[in-house]
C-alpha atoms as a PDB file:
ATOM      1  CA  MET A   1     -23.374 -19.282  39.969  1.00  0.00           C
ATOM      2  CA  ALA A   2     -23.978 -20.844  36.547  1.00  0.00           C
ATOM      3  CA  THR A   3     -21.295 -23.010  34.962  1.00  0.00           C
ATOM      4  CA  PRO A   4     -19.833 -22.015  31.594  1.00  0.00           C
ATOM      5  CA  ASN A   5     -21.246 -23.828  28.566  1.00  0.00           C
ATOM      6  CA  TYR A   6     -18.032 -24.938  26.887  1.00  0.00           C
ATOM      7  CA  SER A   7     -19.867 -26.894  24.204  1.00  0.00           C
ATOM      8  CA  TYR A   8     -21.638 -23.741  23.028  1.00  0.00           C
ATOM      9  CA  GLU A   9     -18.384 -21.750  22.983  1.00  0.00           C
ATOM     10  CA  LYS A  10     -16.613 -24.502  21.051  1.00  0.00           C
ATOM     11  CA  ARG A  11     -19.445 -24.687  18.501  1.00  0.00           C
ATOM     12  CA  GLN A  12     -19.306 -20.918  18.003  1.00  0.00           C
ATOM     13  CA  ARG A  13     -15.552 -21.076  17.363  1.00  0.00           C
ATOM     14  CA  GLU A  14     -16.071 -23.915  14.863  1.00  0.00           C
ATOM     15  CA  LEU A  15     -18.790 -21.954  13.057  1.00  0.00           C
ATOM     16  CA  ALA A  16     -16.586 -18.846  12.898  1.00  0.00           C
ATOM     17  CA  LYS A  17     -13.709 -20.906  11.469  1.00  0.00           C
ATOM     18  CA  LYS A  18     -16.015 -22.508   8.897  1.00  0.00           C
ATOM     19  CA  ARG A  19     -17.414 -19.090   7.900  1.00  0.00           C
ATOM     20  CA  LYS A  20     -13.914 -17.653   7.502  1.00  0.00           C
ATOM     21  CA  THR A  21     -12.807 -20.616   5.364  1.00  0.00           C
ATOM     22  CA  GLU A  22     -15.878 -20.272   3.141  1.00  0.00           C
ATOM     23  CA  GLU A  23     -15.262 -16.520   2.678  1.00  0.00           C
ATOM     24  CA  LYS A  24     -11.659 -17.231   1.722  1.00  0.00           C
ATOM     25  CA  ARG A  25     -12.775 -19.855  -0.804  1.00  0.00           C
ATOM     26  CA  GLN A  26     -15.282 -17.394  -2.289  1.00  0.00           C
ATOM     27  CA  ARG A  27     -12.576 -14.733  -2.667  1.00  0.00           C
ATOM     28  CA  LYS A  28     -10.419 -17.235  -4.576  1.00  0.00           C
ATOM     29  CA  VAL A  29     -13.314 -18.236  -6.852  1.00  0.00           C
ATOM     30  CA  ASN A  30     -14.269 -14.612  -7.588  1.00  0.00           C
ATOM     31  CA  LYS A  31     -10.775 -13.491  -8.592  1.00  0.00           C
ATOM     32  CA  PRO A  32     -10.552 -12.019 -12.109  1.00  0.00           C
ATOM     33  CA  ASP A  33      -9.181 -14.306 -14.831  1.00  0.00           C
ATOM     34  CA  GLY A  34      -5.417 -14.611 -14.822  1.00  0.00           C
ATOM     35  CA  GLU A  35      -5.195 -14.220 -11.056  1.00  0.00           C
ATOM     36  CA  ALA A  36      -6.916 -17.504 -10.179  1.00  0.00           C
ATOM     37  CA  GLU A  37      -4.191 -19.715  -8.760  1.00  0.00           C
ATOM     38  CA  GLY A  38      -4.856 -23.039  -7.145  1.00  0.00           C
ATOM     39  CA  VAL A  39      -8.561 -22.925  -7.958  1.00  0.00           C
ATOM     40  CA  GLU A  40      -9.781 -26.179  -9.376  1.00  0.00           C
ATOM     41  CA  GLY A  41     -11.121 -25.805 -12.902  1.00  0.00           C
ATOM     42  CA  ALA A  42      -9.147 -22.635 -13.659  1.00  0.00           C
ATOM     43  CA  GLU A  43      -7.223 -22.782 -16.910  1.00  0.00           C
ATOM     44  CA  PRO A  44      -3.656 -21.448 -17.034  1.00  0.00           C
ATOM     45  CA  ALA A  45      -3.060 -18.176 -18.884  1.00  0.00           C
ATOM     46  CA  GLU A  46      -1.327 -18.219 -22.262  1.00  0.00           C
ATOM     47  CA  GLY A  47       2.351 -19.082 -21.969  1.00  0.00           C
ATOM     48  CA  GLU A  48       1.824 -20.642 -18.535  1.00  0.00           C
ATOM     49  CA  ALA A  49       2.426 -24.327 -17.989  1.00  0.00           C
ATOM     50  CA  PRO A  50      -0.647 -26.330 -16.975  1.00  0.00           C
ATOM     51  CA  VAL A  51      -0.927 -27.551 -13.400  1.00  0.00           C
ATOM     52  CA  GLU A  52       0.729 -30.926 -12.934  1.00  0.00           C
ATOM     53  CA  GLY A  53      -1.717 -33.808 -13.023  1.00  0.00           C
ATOM     54  CA  THR A  54      -4.220 -32.167 -15.372  1.00  0.00           C
ATOM     55  CA  ALA A  55      -4.773 -33.037 -18.985  1.00  0.00           C
ATOM     56  CA  PRO A  56      -4.194 -30.337 -21.614  1.00  0.00           C
ATOM     57  CA  PRO A  57      -7.373 -28.883 -23.164  1.00  0.00           C
ATOM     58  CA  THR A  58      -8.387 -30.676 -26.363  1.00  0.00           C
ATOM     59  CA  ALA A  59     -10.084 -29.140 -29.389  1.00  0.00           C
ATOM     60  CA  ALA A  60     -13.421 -30.748 -30.104  1.00  0.00           C
END
């Protein structure tokens, strides 16, 4: 009888987890404006306070 290949199974679980995380990140990035929360680079909607630690937008 063949022995189970635990390394292969572990790698498959890791790949599935990575794929799921990437899909979740893509869903966050593709949200319509105004719904993007916690996405780096997203600007707050009017009347909303900016995220702590970010500089306010400046007019050039």
